[in-house]
């Protein structure tokens, strides 16, 4: 399989909601990217929709979550492992807890326990800023409702990137067509407020990770995903992971974009990107429509990253690691 990076430069801001309008995230789970692409395909052509779904289902196309980038520096999710080797230094512990993403150039030293947490925080503090706008929801009856809308506005040359895995040129061309169409439509929440539109740039993987995606030794999730039911009992008990809730609503649209039907998706809990497993799982594309007028799917197939320390598991046990849940 071949891999490329897709960088999204947002024209205004982007909203990756966490369930409440006043809260927001600076990364985007892959199921949002998948759903947005499939919705875009459905508006274009039935054959394109079928081809896109088939490519995803048979794993000819794979997605990571979308993570921040700073210019030419890509950030990775923090591995879900705690450092306890400096048990007497509470200030350093607090710095480690503040870290959410790690520049690729710092990642090797981080997993060895040799990095300076303050240096990482200084490097990543210039991503951008969370913005909060006050909005008014007009109602036909009763008083209008005032609410706060949170979104993230990246500084110049910064944005979100994701990794695409693709089998051949046919898959790549179809994906490029859909992502360019989606760039105009927008991704994430509150697109009607002008959020989520972006310019997309395709790049080669940086050398630090070019041979470490889905390798035999890859243990860390780059995709928020979930094992199938038949895989759950086979997962190792010592896995370091966190769970995130994946919910949301289904909006059925006609060819002109008029919303016809709204229904809540089946809620699921996924392993968060950055989780580490000794035994990998395959995951799936899960149906979450609960009997909707058409099938609706949630992307849950993992992409894995090989970390740079071969005996990572024993190494962190020696340091006295703890689960990050």
Foldseek 3Di string as FASTA:
>chain_A
DAKWKKFWAWPFFFAQDQPAQQDGDQWFFVLQVLQLLLVLQVLPDPVLNVVSVVCVFVVLKDKFIKHKADQPWGKAFAAQKAFCLPVVDVVQSVLVVPDGIFTLVCQQCVLLVNDRSVVRCVVPVQQFDKDKDWDWADDPDDDIDIDIGITTHGDPSMGIMMMMHHNDPVNVVSVVVSVVSCLCQATHPDVVVVTGRTDMDMGHDPPSFNPFKPDPQFFFWRHFAAADPVCVVVFDPPKAWDKGKDKAKDFDADSVGDTDDIDIWAIDITTDGSIGTPDDGQGGWAFTPVDDPDTDTGDHGTMTGRHDDRPSPVSSVVSPMDHRD
